[in-house]
Protein backbone atom coordinates (compact mmCIF):
# COMPACT_ATOMS: atom_id res chain seq x y z
CA HIS A 1 0.00 0.00 0.00
CA GLU A 2 2.79 2.43 0.93
CA LYS A 3 4.64 1.45 -2.22
CA ASP A 4 1.62 2.46 -4.32
CA THR A 5 1.51 5.85 -2.59
CA PHE A 6 5.21 6.40 -3.17
CA ASP A 7 4.93 5.32 -6.80
CA LYS A 8 1.99 7.68 -7.40
CA ALA A 9 3.88 10.59 -5.84
CA GLN A 10 6.90 9.74 -7.99
CA ALA A 11 4.75 9.62 -11.13
CA ILE A 12 3.14 12.97 -10.36
CA ALA A 13 6.54 14.54 -9.77
CA ASN A 14 7.94 13.10 -12.99
CA LYS A 15 4.96 14.39 -14.97
CA ALA A 16 5.26 17.87 -13.45
CA ILE A 17 8.99 18.01 -14.19
CA ALA A 18 8.42 16.82 -17.75
CA ASN A 19 5.84 19.58 -18.27
CA LYS A 20 8.48 22.17 -17.21
CA GLU A 21 6.32 23.99 -14.76
CA ASN A 22 7.84 27.01 -13.05
CA ASP A 23 11.30 26.59 -11.54
CA ALA A 24 10.11 26.84 -7.92
CA ASP A 25 7.62 24.04 -8.48
CA VAL A 26 10.21 21.91 -10.24
CA ALA A 27 12.70 22.41 -7.39
CA THR A 28 10.02 21.53 -4.84
CA LEU A 29 9.04 18.46 -6.83
CA LYS A 30 12.65 17.34 -7.14
CA LYS A 31 13.03 17.72 -3.39
CA LEU A 32 9.86 15.70 -2.87
CA GLN A 33 11.18 13.06 -5.26
CA GLU A 34 14.31 12.71 -3.14
CA GLU A 35 12.20 12.42 -0.01
CA VAL A 36 10.10 9.72 -1.66
CA LYS A 37 13.25 7.81 -2.64
CA ASP A 38 14.57 8.08 0.90
CA MET A 39 11.26 6.89 2.31
CA LYS A 40 11.21 3.94 -0.09
CA LYS A 41 14.69 2.93 1.08
CA GLU A 42 13.66 3.28 4.71
CA VAL A 43 10.50 1.21 4.22
CA LYS A 44 12.46 -1.44 2.36
CA SER A 45 15.08 -1.69 5.11
CA LYS A 46 12.36 -1.89 7.76
CA ASP A 47 10.57 -4.61 5.79
CA VAL A 48 13.81 -6.61 5.64
CA ARG A 49 14.32 -6.15 9.38
CA ILE A 50 10.73 -7.16 10.16
CA LYS A 51 11.05 -10.25 7.98
CA LYS A 52 14.27 -11.22 9.77
CA LEU A 53 12.69 -10.72 13.19
CA GLN A 54 9.64 -12.74 12.20
CA SER A 55 11.82 -15.59 11.00
CA VAL A 56 13.57 -15.92 14.37
CA SER A 57 10.71 -15.13 16.71
CA LEU A 58 9.01 -17.86 18.70
CA THR A 59 5.30 -18.38 18.43
CA LYS A 60 3.14 -18.59 21.55
CA GLU A 61 2.73 -22.31 20.93
CA GLN A 62 6.50 -22.80 20.78
CA CYS A 63 6.97 -20.85 24.01
CA THR A 64 4.29 -22.93 25.71
CA ALA A 65 5.91 -26.14 24.48
CA LEU A 66 9.34 -25.02 25.76
CA LYS A 67 7.87 -24.12 29.13
CA LYS A 68 6.21 -27.53 29.37
CA ILE A 69 9.49 -29.28 28.48
CA LYS A 70 11.33 -27.33 31.18
CA GLU A 71 8.68 -28.23 33.75
CA GLU A 72 8.85 -31.90 32.76
CA ARG A 73 12.65 -31.78 33.05
CA VAL A 74 12.37 -30.57 36.64
CA GLN A 75 9.85 -33.31 37.43
CA PHE A 76 12.07 -35.98 35.88
CA LYS A 77 15.09 -34.73 37.84
CA GLU A 78 13.12 -34.94 41.09
CA GLU A 79 11.81 -38.40 40.20
CA ASN A 80 15.32 -39.52 39.26
CA GLU A 81 16.66 -38.32 42.62
CA ARG A 82 13.90 -40.20 44.48
CA TYR A 83 14.74 -43.41 42.61
CA ARG A 84 18.46 -42.98 43.30
CA LYS A 85 17.76 -42.59 47.03
CA LYS A 86 15.44 -45.59 46.96
CA LEU A 87 18.11 -47.67 45.17
CA ALA A 88 20.79 -46.64 47.67
CA GLU A 89 18.47 -47.58 50.53
CA SER A 90 17.68 -50.93 48.90
CA GLU A 91 21.40 -51.62 48.39
CA ARG A 92 22.06 -50.86 52.08
CA GLU A 93 19.26 -53.26 53.09
CA VAL A 94 20.72 -55.97 50.83
CA ALA A 95 24.17 -55.43 52.35
CA VAL A 96 22.71 -55.73 55.86
CA LEU A 97 20.88 -58.93 54.91
CA HIS A 98 24.09 -60.42 53.44
CA SER A 99 26.01 -59.60 56.59
CA LEU A 100 23.60 -61.65 58.74
């Protein structure tokens, strides 16, 4: 949409310059043409930046999935620790039974 606006402004300026309207108008139009070119460059660079940011951003679903994985990791660590303690206790009981 912005590109269409810039292109229309550029076309109007080109037509006015081609018609050799008074020098003040031509100078103003040339200045406006430069501004339009600068704005086009700025919009293009912003579009590139936005596209790059969108390509590396995480969606809400991805963030939720990561959060769930982290929570599961904590649960598995706790469960693992419980089983290790239970195993150590069982090994101690076996050692006591063997010593009898």
